[in-house]
Amino acid sequence: MNEPAVFNHVDGTMPATNMHLTENYQLVFHGEIHNVYGQLNHKTTYEALLDRDNFQRRPFVLTRAIFTGSQQYGPMWTGDNQAEFDELRSSINSILSLGVAGIVYSGSDIPGFFGEPTPQLATNFYQLGVFFPFMRAHSHIENVAKREPYFYDESIQPLIKQALSLRYDLAHYIYWLFYLSSIHGTPLMRPMW
């Protein structure tokens, strides 16, 4: 998560009025540097893993706290979403917007982090998720419905399997899009215009 979470605070994070001391001994409000904090955590982890492996392996460090330049350290996900059709629709806008802004490797929790998805929503989330640059099934530990395809009703398992098979069929194309993105900066998932 790489952000200063404070779960017993009303905002779920460090209060914006908390003060931080910079390396130049200046005080700044947390609200001014919240996203920078997350990015520096992401960057430091990425660089430490590179160093640990003698620069022989590219680390995979997932984040949800981003700032300008975060794309150079790894993928991000859109945060803890709800298992609702509105969240399915908004995930498209979020990933397209992030791509146009330079964060090309992103995705959304399938089929929603909080809540219990209907069979239709779960199916639709998987069917859409195969086109996200970053795809994963993920949920809160207290959810009753698990997110793995084999936990769903047998009536929708073939539909989810078909969607996942399409993702595997597209693997070489997706890698090609990643290559083009590394050269030209183009988003993997982009608006029709």
N, C-alpha and C. Protein backbone atom coordinates (compact mmCIF):
# COMPACT_ATOMS: atom_id res chain seq x y z
N MET A 1 0.84 -1.19 0.00
CA MET A 1 0.00 0.00 0.00
C MET A 1 0.88 1.24 0.00
N ASN A 2 1.99 1.19 0.63
CA ASN A 2 3.04 2.22 0.67
C ASN A 2 2.55 3.65 0.87
N GLU A 3 1.59 3.78 1.72
CA GLU A 3 1.17 5.13 2.13
C GLU A 3 0.97 5.08 3.63
N PRO A 4 1.07 6.21 4.28
CA PRO A 4 0.96 6.20 5.75
C PRO A 4 -0.49 6.01 6.21
N ALA A 5 -0.92 4.76 6.26
CA ALA A 5 -2.29 4.45 6.67
C ALA A 5 -2.42 4.55 8.19
N VAL A 6 -3.49 5.19 8.62
CA VAL A 6 -3.83 5.29 10.04
C VAL A 6 -5.31 4.91 10.10
N PHE A 7 -5.58 3.63 10.33
CA PHE A 7 -6.93 3.12 10.16
C PHE A 7 -7.92 3.62 11.20
N ASN A 8 -7.44 4.11 12.32
CA ASN A 8 -8.38 4.62 13.33
C ASN A 8 -8.59 6.13 13.19
N HIS A 9 -8.11 6.74 12.10
CA HIS A 9 -8.34 8.16 11.84
C HIS A 9 -9.47 8.27 10.82
N VAL A 10 -10.24 9.33 10.92
CA VAL A 10 -11.41 9.50 10.07
C VAL A 10 -11.07 9.44 8.57
N ASP A 11 -9.91 9.92 8.17
CA ASP A 11 -9.52 9.91 6.76
C ASP A 11 -8.84 8.60 6.36
N GLY A 12 -8.52 7.73 7.32
CA GLY A 12 -7.84 6.48 7.02
C GLY A 12 -6.36 6.67 6.73
N THR A 13 -5.88 7.86 6.92
CA THR A 13 -4.46 8.14 6.68
C THR A 13 -3.98 9.15 7.71
N MET A 14 -2.73 9.48 7.61
CA MET A 14 -2.16 10.46 8.52
C MET A 14 -2.89 11.80 8.35
N PRO A 15 -3.24 12.45 9.42
CA PRO A 15 -3.93 13.74 9.30
C PRO A 15 -3.13 14.74 8.46
N ALA A 16 -3.83 15.47 7.61
CA ALA A 16 -3.18 16.44 6.71
C ALA A 16 -2.43 17.52 7.47
N THR A 17 -2.80 17.72 8.75
CA THR A 17 -2.15 18.77 9.55
C THR A 17 -0.90 18.29 10.27
N ASN A 18 -0.60 16.99 10.19
CA ASN A 18 0.66 16.51 10.77
C ASN A 18 1.83 17.22 10.09
N MET A 19 2.89 17.40 10.83
CA MET A 19 4.06 18.10 10.29
C MET A 19 5.20 17.11 10.04
N HIS A 20 5.93 17.36 8.95
CA HIS A 20 7.13 16.59 8.63
C HIS A 20 8.31 17.54 8.55
N LEU A 21 9.46 17.05 8.93
CA LEU A 21 10.68 17.82 8.85
C LEU A 21 11.44 17.39 7.60
N THR A 22 11.72 18.31 6.70
CA THR A 22 12.43 17.98 5.47
C THR A 22 13.93 17.89 5.74
N GLU A 23 14.67 17.42 4.75
CA GLU A 23 16.12 17.33 4.92
C GLU A 23 16.76 18.71 5.05
N ASN A 24 16.05 19.75 4.64
CA ASN A 24 16.54 21.14 4.79
C ASN A 24 16.04 21.77 6.08
N TYR A 25 15.50 20.93 6.99
CA TYR A 25 14.99 21.37 8.28
C TYR A 25 13.84 22.36 8.17
N GLN A 26 13.01 22.15 7.16
CA GLN A 26 11.79 22.95 7.03
C GLN A 26 10.60 22.06 7.41
N LEU A 27 9.60 22.67 8.03
CA LEU A 27 8.39 21.94 8.37
C LEU A 27 7.38 22.06 7.24
N VAL A 28 6.78 20.93 6.86
CA VAL A 28 5.72 20.94 5.86
C VAL A 28 4.56 20.10 6.38
N PHE A 29 3.35 20.46 5.96
CA PHE A 29 2.16 19.70 6.33
C PHE A 29 2.13 18.38 5.57
N HIS A 30 1.63 17.37 6.22
CA HIS A 30 1.53 16.06 5.58
C HIS A 30 0.67 16.14 4.31
N GLY A 31 -0.37 16.93 4.35
CA GLY A 31 -1.24 17.08 3.18
C GLY A 31 -0.49 17.53 1.93
N GLU A 32 0.63 18.22 2.12
CA GLU A 32 1.42 18.70 0.98
C GLU A 32 2.30 17.61 0.38
N ILE A 33 2.61 16.59 1.17
CA ILE A 33 3.57 15.59 0.69
C ILE A 33 3.04 14.17 0.73
N HIS A 34 1.75 13.99 0.97
CA HIS A 34 1.18 12.64 1.11
C HIS A 34 1.56 11.74 -0.08
N ASN A 35 1.33 12.18 -1.29
CA ASN A 35 1.62 11.35 -2.46
C ASN A 35 3.11 11.22 -2.72
N VAL A 36 3.88 12.23 -2.39
CA VAL A 36 5.33 12.14 -2.53
C VAL A 36 5.88 11.07 -1.58
N TYR A 37 5.32 11.00 -0.38
CA TYR A 37 5.71 9.97 0.58
C TYR A 37 5.55 8.59 -0.04
N GLY A 38 4.38 8.34 -0.64
CA GLY A 38 4.12 7.05 -1.27
C GLY A 38 5.07 6.77 -2.42
N GLN A 39 5.32 7.79 -3.22
CA GLN A 39 6.23 7.61 -4.35
C GLN A 39 7.65 7.31 -3.88
N LEU A 40 8.12 8.02 -2.87
CA LEU A 40 9.48 7.78 -2.37
C LEU A 40 9.60 6.39 -1.76
N ASN A 41 8.53 5.91 -1.13
CA ASN A 41 8.53 4.55 -0.61
C ASN A 41 8.64 3.56 -1.78
N HIS A 42 7.90 3.79 -2.84
CA HIS A 42 7.92 2.95 -4.04
C HIS A 42 9.32 2.96 -4.67
N LYS A 43 9.87 4.14 -4.82
CA LYS A 43 11.19 4.31 -5.42
C LYS A 43 12.28 3.62 -4.60
N THR A 44 12.24 3.82 -3.30
CA THR A 44 13.26 3.24 -2.43
C THR A 44 13.20 1.71 -2.46
N THR A 45 11.99 1.17 -2.45
CA THR A 45 11.84 -0.29 -2.52
C THR A 45 12.37 -0.81 -3.84
N TYR A 46 12.01 -0.15 -4.94
CA TYR A 46 12.47 -0.54 -6.27
C TYR A 46 14.00 -0.53 -6.35
N GLU A 47 14.60 0.57 -5.89
CA GLU A 47 16.06 0.69 -5.96
C GLU A 47 16.76 -0.30 -5.05
N ALA A 48 16.18 -0.58 -3.89
CA ALA A 48 16.79 -1.55 -2.97
C ALA A 48 16.76 -2.96 -3.57
N LEU A 49 15.67 -3.30 -4.25
CA LEU A 49 15.59 -4.62 -4.88
C LEU A 49 16.54 -4.73 -6.06
N LEU A 50 16.69 -3.65 -6.82
CA LEU A 50 17.69 -3.65 -7.90
C LEU A 50 19.08 -3.89 -7.33
N ASP A 51 19.40 -3.17 -6.28
CA ASP A 51 20.71 -3.28 -5.65
C ASP A 51 20.92 -4.68 -5.07
N ARG A 52 19.89 -5.20 -4.41
CA ARG A 52 20.00 -6.54 -3.81
C ARG A 52 20.35 -7.60 -4.86
N ASP A 53 19.76 -7.45 -6.05
CA ASP A 53 19.96 -8.43 -7.12
C ASP A 53 21.05 -8.02 -8.10
N ASN A 54 21.94 -7.10 -7.67
CA ASN A 54 23.05 -6.65 -8.51
C ASN A 54 22.60 -6.19 -9.90
N PHE A 55 21.45 -5.56 -9.95
CA PHE A 55 20.91 -5.01 -11.19
C PHE A 55 20.71 -6.07 -12.28
N GLN A 56 20.54 -7.33 -11.88
CA GLN A 56 20.35 -8.42 -12.83
C GLN A 56 18.88 -8.75 -13.05
N ARG A 57 18.01 -8.32 -12.14
CA ARG A 57 16.58 -8.61 -12.26
C ARG A 57 15.77 -7.34 -12.09
N ARG A 58 14.74 -7.20 -12.90
CA ARG A 58 13.87 -6.03 -12.80
C ARG A 58 12.80 -6.32 -11.74
N PRO A 59 12.72 -5.51 -10.70
CA PRO A 59 11.75 -5.76 -9.63
C PRO A 59 10.31 -5.48 -10.07
N PHE A 60 9.39 -6.17 -9.46
CA PHE A 60 7.97 -5.89 -9.62
C PHE A 60 7.50 -5.35 -8.29
N VAL A 61 7.24 -4.05 -8.23
CA VAL A 61 6.82 -3.39 -6.99
C VAL A 61 5.52 -2.66 -7.28
N LEU A 62 4.43 -3.21 -6.79
CA LEU A 62 3.09 -2.66 -7.00
C LEU A 62 2.81 -1.56 -5.99
N THR A 63 2.17 -0.49 -6.44
CA THR A 63 1.86 0.63 -5.55
C THR A 63 0.43 1.11 -5.79
N ARG A 64 -0.09 1.86 -4.85
CA ARG A 64 -1.32 2.59 -5.11
C ARG A 64 -1.14 4.08 -4.80
N ALA A 65 -0.01 4.45 -4.24
CA ALA A 65 0.28 5.86 -3.96
C ALA A 65 1.27 6.34 -5.02
N ILE A 66 0.79 7.23 -5.88
CA ILE A 66 1.64 7.68 -6.99
C ILE A 66 1.81 9.20 -6.97
N PHE A 67 2.82 9.63 -7.70
CA PHE A 67 3.11 11.04 -7.90
C PHE A 67 3.81 11.14 -9.25
N THR A 68 4.08 12.32 -9.70
CA THR A 68 4.74 12.52 -10.99
C THR A 68 6.03 11.70 -11.05
N GLY A 69 6.14 10.87 -12.07
CA GLY A 69 7.32 10.03 -12.25
C GLY A 69 7.20 8.63 -11.67
N SER A 70 6.09 8.32 -11.02
CA SER A 70 5.93 7.00 -10.39
C SER A 70 6.00 5.85 -11.38
N GLN A 71 5.66 6.12 -12.64
CA GLN A 71 5.61 5.04 -13.63
C GLN A 71 6.97 4.37 -13.84
N GLN A 72 8.04 5.02 -13.49
CA GLN A 72 9.36 4.43 -13.71
C GLN A 72 9.72 3.37 -12.67
N TYR A 73 8.90 3.23 -11.62
CA TYR A 73 9.21 2.27 -10.57
C TYR A 73 8.31 1.05 -10.55
N GLY A 74 7.25 1.04 -11.34
CA GLY A 74 6.41 -0.15 -11.40
C GLY A 74 4.94 0.16 -11.53
N PRO A 75 4.13 -0.89 -11.54
CA PRO A 75 2.69 -0.74 -11.76
C PRO A 75 1.96 -0.19 -10.54
N MET A 76 0.73 0.23 -10.78
CA MET A 76 -0.12 0.69 -9.69
C MET A 76 -1.53 0.15 -9.90
N TRP A 77 -2.26 0.08 -8.81
CA TRP A 77 -3.67 -0.26 -8.93
C TRP A 77 -4.49 0.88 -8.39
N THR A 78 -5.74 0.91 -8.79
CA THR A 78 -6.57 2.09 -8.54
C THR A 78 -7.08 2.21 -7.12
N GLY A 79 -6.75 1.27 -6.26
CA GLY A 79 -7.16 1.37 -4.86
C GLY A 79 -8.31 0.44 -4.54
N ASP A 80 -8.76 0.52 -3.32
CA ASP A 80 -9.78 -0.40 -2.82
C ASP A 80 -11.16 0.01 -3.32
N ASN A 81 -11.61 -0.67 -4.37
CA ASN A 81 -12.91 -0.36 -4.97
C ASN A 81 -14.01 -1.25 -4.39
N GLN A 82 -15.22 -0.95 -4.75
CA GLN A 82 -16.40 -1.69 -4.30
C GLN A 82 -16.82 -2.69 -5.38
N ALA A 83 -17.42 -3.78 -4.96
CA ALA A 83 -17.98 -4.76 -5.90
C ALA A 83 -19.34 -4.25 -6.36
N GLU A 84 -19.32 -3.26 -7.25
CA GLU A 84 -20.53 -2.63 -7.77
C GLU A 84 -20.33 -2.29 -9.24
N PHE A 85 -21.43 -2.23 -9.98
CA PHE A 85 -21.34 -1.92 -11.41
C PHE A 85 -20.79 -0.52 -11.66
N ASP A 86 -21.08 0.43 -10.77
CA ASP A 86 -20.51 1.77 -10.93
C ASP A 86 -18.99 1.74 -10.87
N GLU A 87 -18.45 0.88 -10.01
CA GLU A 87 -16.99 0.75 -9.90
C GLU A 87 -16.42 0.09 -11.14
N LEU A 88 -17.15 -0.85 -11.72
CA LEU A 88 -16.72 -1.47 -12.97
C LEU A 88 -16.58 -0.40 -14.05
N ARG A 89 -17.60 0.45 -14.16
CA ARG A 89 -17.57 1.53 -15.16
C ARG A 89 -16.45 2.53 -14.86
N SER A 90 -16.30 2.92 -13.61
CA SER A 90 -15.28 3.93 -13.28
C SER A 90 -13.86 3.39 -13.43
N SER A 91 -13.69 2.08 -13.34
CA SER A 91 -12.35 1.51 -13.53
C SER A 91 -11.84 1.80 -14.94
N ILE A 92 -12.73 1.83 -15.90
CA ILE A 92 -12.34 2.14 -17.28
C ILE A 92 -11.79 3.56 -17.34
N ASN A 93 -12.54 4.50 -16.79
CA ASN A 93 -12.11 5.90 -16.78
C ASN A 93 -10.79 6.07 -16.04
N SER A 94 -10.65 5.40 -14.91
CA SER A 94 -9.42 5.54 -14.11
C SER A 94 -8.20 5.05 -14.88
N ILE A 95 -8.31 3.89 -15.48
CA ILE A 95 -7.15 3.32 -16.18
C ILE A 95 -6.83 4.10 -17.45
N LEU A 96 -7.86 4.55 -18.16
CA LEU A 96 -7.61 5.39 -19.34
C LEU A 96 -6.94 6.70 -18.94
N SER A 97 -7.44 7.32 -17.88
CA SER A 97 -6.86 8.59 -17.42
C SER A 97 -5.41 8.41 -16.97
N LEU A 98 -5.16 7.35 -16.22
CA LEU A 98 -3.79 7.09 -15.78
C LEU A 98 -2.87 6.86 -16.97
N GLY A 99 -3.34 6.12 -17.98
CA GLY A 99 -2.53 5.86 -19.16
C GLY A 99 -2.16 7.13 -19.90
N VAL A 100 -3.14 8.00 -20.09
CA VAL A 100 -2.89 9.26 -20.79
C VAL A 100 -1.94 10.14 -19.96
N ALA A 101 -1.98 9.99 -18.63
CA ALA A 101 -1.10 10.77 -17.75
C ALA A 101 0.29 10.15 -17.61
N GLY A 102 0.54 9.02 -18.26
CA GLY A 102 1.87 8.41 -18.23
C GLY A 102 2.00 7.20 -17.33
N ILE A 103 0.97 6.87 -16.56
CA ILE A 103 0.99 5.67 -15.71
C ILE A 103 0.33 4.56 -16.54
N VAL A 104 1.12 3.91 -17.39
CA VAL A 104 0.55 2.99 -18.38
C VAL A 104 0.31 1.59 -17.83
N TYR A 105 0.94 1.24 -16.71
CA TYR A 105 0.83 -0.11 -16.15
C TYR A 105 -0.05 -0.03 -14.91
N SER A 106 -1.36 -0.15 -15.11
CA SER A 106 -2.29 -0.03 -13.99
C SER A 106 -3.45 -0.99 -14.16
N GLY A 107 -4.19 -1.17 -13.08
CA GLY A 107 -5.36 -2.03 -13.10
C GLY A 107 -6.23 -1.78 -11.90
N SER A 108 -7.31 -2.52 -11.84
CA SER A 108 -8.30 -2.36 -10.79
C SER A 108 -8.55 -3.72 -10.13
N ASP A 109 -8.93 -3.72 -8.86
CA ASP A 109 -9.22 -4.98 -8.18
C ASP A 109 -10.45 -5.64 -8.80
N ILE A 110 -10.30 -6.89 -9.19
CA ILE A 110 -11.39 -7.65 -9.83
C ILE A 110 -11.93 -8.64 -8.82
N PRO A 111 -13.20 -8.71 -8.62
CA PRO A 111 -14.31 -7.88 -9.07
C PRO A 111 -14.75 -6.90 -7.99
N GLY A 112 -13.82 -6.13 -7.49
CA GLY A 112 -14.08 -5.18 -6.42
C GLY A 112 -13.46 -5.68 -5.13
N PHE A 113 -12.81 -4.79 -4.40
CA PHE A 113 -12.11 -5.15 -3.17
C PHE A 113 -13.08 -5.38 -2.01
N PHE A 114 -14.05 -4.47 -1.85
CA PHE A 114 -15.03 -4.57 -0.78
C PHE A 114 -16.36 -5.04 -1.34
N GLY A 115 -17.08 -5.81 -0.56
CA GLY A 115 -18.42 -6.20 -0.93
C GLY A 115 -18.49 -7.56 -1.61
N GLU A 116 -19.70 -7.96 -1.87
CA GLU A 116 -19.95 -9.27 -2.46
C GLU A 116 -20.52 -9.09 -3.87
N PRO A 117 -19.75 -9.44 -4.89
CA PRO A 117 -20.24 -9.25 -6.27
C PRO A 117 -21.32 -10.26 -6.63
N THR A 118 -22.25 -9.82 -7.44
CA THR A 118 -23.21 -10.76 -8.01
C THR A 118 -22.49 -11.60 -9.05
N PRO A 119 -23.04 -12.75 -9.43
CA PRO A 119 -22.40 -13.54 -10.49
C PRO A 119 -22.22 -12.74 -11.78
N GLN A 120 -23.20 -11.92 -12.13
CA GLN A 120 -23.11 -11.10 -13.34
C GLN A 120 -21.97 -10.10 -13.24
N LEU A 121 -21.85 -9.42 -12.09
CA LEU A 121 -20.78 -8.45 -11.90
C LEU A 121 -19.41 -9.13 -11.94
N ALA A 122 -19.27 -10.26 -11.26
CA ALA A 122 -18.00 -10.97 -11.26
C ALA A 122 -17.60 -11.34 -12.69
N THR A 123 -18.56 -11.86 -13.45
CA THR A 123 -18.29 -12.23 -14.84
C THR A 123 -17.87 -11.02 -15.65
N ASN A 124 -18.61 -9.93 -15.53
CA ASN A 124 -18.30 -8.72 -16.30
C ASN A 124 -16.96 -8.13 -15.91
N PHE A 125 -16.63 -8.17 -14.62
CA PHE A 125 -15.33 -7.64 -14.17
C PHE A 125 -14.18 -8.45 -14.77
N TYR A 126 -14.32 -9.77 -14.78
CA TYR A 126 -13.28 -10.60 -15.42
C TYR A 126 -13.20 -10.33 -16.91
N GLN A 127 -14.35 -10.21 -17.55
CA GLN A 127 -14.37 -9.98 -19.00
C GLN A 127 -13.72 -8.65 -19.36
N LEU A 128 -13.90 -7.64 -18.54
CA LEU A 128 -13.26 -6.35 -18.78
C LEU A 128 -11.80 -6.39 -18.34
N GLY A 129 -11.54 -7.02 -17.20
CA GLY A 129 -10.20 -7.03 -16.62
C GLY A 129 -9.13 -7.63 -17.52
N VAL A 130 -9.51 -8.50 -18.43
CA VAL A 130 -8.50 -9.09 -19.32
C VAL A 130 -7.85 -8.03 -20.21
N PHE A 131 -8.48 -6.88 -20.34
CA PHE A 131 -7.93 -5.81 -21.17
C PHE A 131 -7.18 -4.76 -20.35
N PHE A 132 -7.17 -4.89 -19.03
CA PHE A 132 -6.40 -3.98 -18.20
C PHE A 132 -4.91 -4.33 -18.34
N PRO A 133 -4.04 -3.34 -18.34
CA PRO A 133 -2.61 -3.66 -18.36
C PRO A 133 -2.19 -4.53 -17.18
N PHE A 134 -2.72 -4.24 -15.99
CA PHE A 134 -2.44 -5.03 -14.79
C PHE A 134 -3.75 -5.68 -14.38
N MET A 135 -3.76 -7.00 -14.31
CA MET A 135 -4.99 -7.73 -13.98
C MET A 135 -4.76 -8.61 -12.76
N ARG A 136 -5.63 -8.47 -11.78
CA ARG A 136 -5.57 -9.38 -10.63
C ARG A 136 -6.93 -9.46 -9.96
N ALA A 137 -7.22 -10.61 -9.39
CA ALA A 137 -8.39 -10.80 -8.54
C ALA A 137 -7.92 -10.55 -7.11
N HIS A 138 -8.65 -9.69 -6.40
CA HIS A 138 -8.18 -9.29 -5.08
C HIS A 138 -9.37 -8.80 -4.26
N SER A 139 -9.34 -9.08 -2.96
CA SER A 139 -10.44 -8.60 -2.12
C SER A 139 -10.01 -8.49 -0.67
N HIS A 140 -10.88 -7.88 0.11
CA HIS A 140 -10.67 -7.73 1.54
C HIS A 140 -10.75 -9.10 2.20
N ILE A 141 -9.96 -9.30 3.22
CA ILE A 141 -9.88 -10.61 3.88
C ILE A 141 -11.21 -11.03 4.50
N GLU A 142 -12.06 -10.07 4.86
CA GLU A 142 -13.33 -10.39 5.52
C GLU A 142 -14.47 -10.63 4.54
N ASN A 143 -14.24 -10.50 3.24
CA ASN A 143 -15.30 -10.78 2.28
C ASN A 143 -15.67 -12.25 2.33
N VAL A 144 -16.97 -12.52 2.21
CA VAL A 144 -17.45 -13.90 2.18
C VAL A 144 -17.08 -14.54 0.84
N ALA A 145 -17.39 -13.84 -0.24
CA ALA A 145 -17.11 -14.36 -1.58
C ALA A 145 -15.64 -14.16 -1.92
N LYS A 146 -14.97 -15.25 -2.21
CA LYS A 146 -13.58 -15.17 -2.63
C LYS A 146 -13.54 -14.78 -4.10
N ARG A 147 -12.37 -14.35 -4.58
CA ARG A 147 -12.28 -13.80 -5.94
C ARG A 147 -11.73 -14.79 -6.97
N GLU A 148 -11.20 -15.91 -6.55
CA GLU A 148 -10.66 -16.86 -7.50
C GLU A 148 -11.80 -17.49 -8.30
N PRO A 149 -11.59 -17.70 -9.60
CA PRO A 149 -12.67 -18.20 -10.47
C PRO A 149 -13.30 -19.51 -9.99
N TYR A 150 -12.53 -20.40 -9.39
CA TYR A 150 -13.08 -21.69 -9.00
C TYR A 150 -14.02 -21.61 -7.80
N PHE A 151 -14.10 -20.46 -7.14
CA PHE A 151 -15.04 -20.29 -6.04
C PHE A 151 -16.44 -19.88 -6.54
N TYR A 152 -16.54 -19.48 -7.79
CA TYR A 152 -17.83 -19.02 -8.30
C TYR A 152 -18.71 -20.18 -8.70
N ASP A 153 -19.97 -19.88 -8.84
CA ASP A 153 -20.96 -20.86 -9.28
C ASP A 153 -20.53 -21.48 -10.61
N GLU A 154 -20.80 -22.76 -10.76
CA GLU A 154 -20.39 -23.46 -11.97
C GLU A 154 -21.01 -22.89 -13.23
N SER A 155 -22.11 -22.16 -13.08
CA SER A 155 -22.76 -21.58 -14.27
C SER A 155 -21.94 -20.45 -14.88
N ILE A 156 -21.11 -19.75 -14.09
CA ILE A 156 -20.30 -18.66 -14.65
C ILE A 156 -18.83 -19.01 -14.80
N GLN A 157 -18.40 -20.13 -14.23
CA GLN A 157 -17.00 -20.52 -14.37
C GLN A 157 -16.54 -20.62 -15.83
N PRO A 158 -17.35 -21.18 -16.74
CA PRO A 158 -16.90 -21.23 -18.14
C PRO A 158 -16.73 -19.84 -18.76
N LEU A 159 -17.55 -18.88 -18.35
CA LEU A 159 -17.42 -17.52 -18.88
C LEU A 159 -16.14 -16.85 -18.39
N ILE A 160 -15.83 -17.07 -17.12
CA ILE A 160 -14.59 -16.52 -16.56
C ILE A 160 -13.39 -17.21 -17.19
N LYS A 161 -13.47 -18.51 -17.36
CA LYS A 161 -12.39 -19.26 -18.00
C LYS A 161 -12.15 -18.77 -19.42
N GLN A 162 -13.24 -18.51 -20.13
CA GLN A 162 -13.13 -18.00 -21.51
C GLN A 162 -12.42 -16.64 -21.51
N ALA A 163 -12.77 -15.79 -20.56
CA ALA A 163 -12.12 -14.47 -20.48
C ALA A 163 -10.63 -14.62 -20.16
N LEU A 164 -10.30 -15.47 -19.21
CA LEU A 164 -8.90 -15.67 -18.85
C LEU A 164 -8.11 -16.30 -20.00
N SER A 165 -8.75 -17.18 -20.75
CA SER A 165 -8.08 -17.77 -21.92
C SER A 165 -7.77 -16.69 -22.95
N LEU A 166 -8.68 -15.73 -23.11
CA LEU A 166 -8.42 -14.62 -24.02
C LEU A 166 -7.20 -13.83 -23.57
N ARG A 167 -7.08 -13.62 -22.26
CA ARG A 167 -5.90 -12.91 -21.74
C ARG A 167 -4.62 -13.64 -22.12
N TYR A 168 -4.61 -14.94 -21.97
CA TYR A 168 -3.43 -15.72 -22.36
C TYR A 168 -3.20 -15.66 -23.87
N ASP A 169 -4.28 -15.68 -24.63
CA ASP A 169 -4.14 -15.56 -26.09
C ASP A 169 -3.52 -14.22 -26.49
N LEU A 170 -3.81 -13.19 -25.70
CA LEU A 170 -3.31 -11.84 -25.99
C LEU A 170 -1.94 -11.55 -25.39
N ALA A 171 -1.35 -12.52 -24.71
CA ALA A 171 -0.11 -12.27 -23.96
C ALA A 171 0.99 -11.67 -24.83
N HIS A 172 1.23 -12.22 -26.02
CA HIS A 172 2.30 -11.69 -26.88
C HIS A 172 1.97 -10.27 -27.34
N TYR A 173 0.71 -10.03 -27.64
CA TYR A 173 0.28 -8.69 -28.04
C TYR A 173 0.46 -7.70 -26.89
N ILE A 174 0.10 -8.11 -25.68
CA ILE A 174 0.25 -7.24 -24.51
C ILE A 174 1.73 -6.93 -24.26
N TYR A 175 2.59 -7.94 -24.40
CA TYR A 175 4.03 -7.69 -24.26
C TYR A 175 4.51 -6.72 -25.33
N TRP A 176 3.98 -6.85 -26.54
CA TRP A 176 4.34 -5.93 -27.62
C TRP A 176 3.91 -4.51 -27.26
N LEU A 177 2.71 -4.36 -26.70
CA LEU A 177 2.25 -3.04 -26.28
C LEU A 177 3.15 -2.46 -25.18
N PHE A 178 3.61 -3.30 -24.26
CA PHE A 178 4.55 -2.84 -23.23
C PHE A 178 5.84 -2.36 -23.87
N TYR A 179 6.32 -3.09 -24.86
CA TYR A 179 7.54 -2.69 -25.55
C TYR A 179 7.34 -1.33 -26.23
N LEU A 180 6.23 -1.19 -26.95
CA LEU A 180 5.95 0.10 -27.61
C LEU A 180 5.83 1.22 -26.59
N SER A 181 5.22 0.93 -25.48
CA SER A 181 5.08 1.93 -24.42
C SER A 181 6.44 2.35 -23.88
N SER A 182 7.36 1.39 -23.74
CA SER A 182 8.69 1.73 -23.23
C SER A 182 9.47 2.60 -24.20
N ILE A 183 9.16 2.50 -25.48
CA ILE A 183 9.84 3.30 -26.51
C ILE A 183 9.16 4.65 -26.72
N HIS A 184 7.81 4.63 -26.83
CA HIS A 184 7.07 5.83 -27.21
C HIS A 184 6.24 6.45 -26.09
N GLY A 185 6.07 5.74 -24.99
CA GLY A 185 5.27 6.26 -23.89
C GLY A 185 3.77 6.14 -24.11
N THR A 186 3.35 5.38 -25.11
CA THR A 186 1.92 5.23 -25.39
C THR A 186 1.26 4.32 -24.36
N PRO A 187 0.04 4.63 -23.95
CA PRO A 187 -0.65 3.78 -22.99
C PRO A 187 -0.99 2.43 -23.62
N LEU A 188 -1.06 1.40 -22.79
CA LEU A 188 -1.49 0.10 -23.28
C LEU A 188 -2.99 0.10 -23.52
N MET A 189 -3.73 0.63 -22.58
CA MET A 189 -5.18 0.78 -22.71
C MET A 189 -5.41 2.25 -22.98
N ARG A 190 -6.02 2.55 -24.12
CA ARG A 190 -6.16 3.95 -24.49
C ARG A 190 -7.54 4.23 -25.06
N PRO A 191 -7.96 5.49 -24.99
CA PRO A 191 -9.27 5.86 -25.53
C PRO A 191 -9.30 5.70 -27.05
N MET A 192 -10.48 5.50 -27.57
CA MET A 192 -10.64 5.30 -29.02
C MET A 192 -10.15 6.51 -29.81
N TRP A 193 -10.29 7.71 -29.25
CA TRP A 193 -9.88 8.89 -29.99
C TRP A 193 -8.39 8.95 -30.09
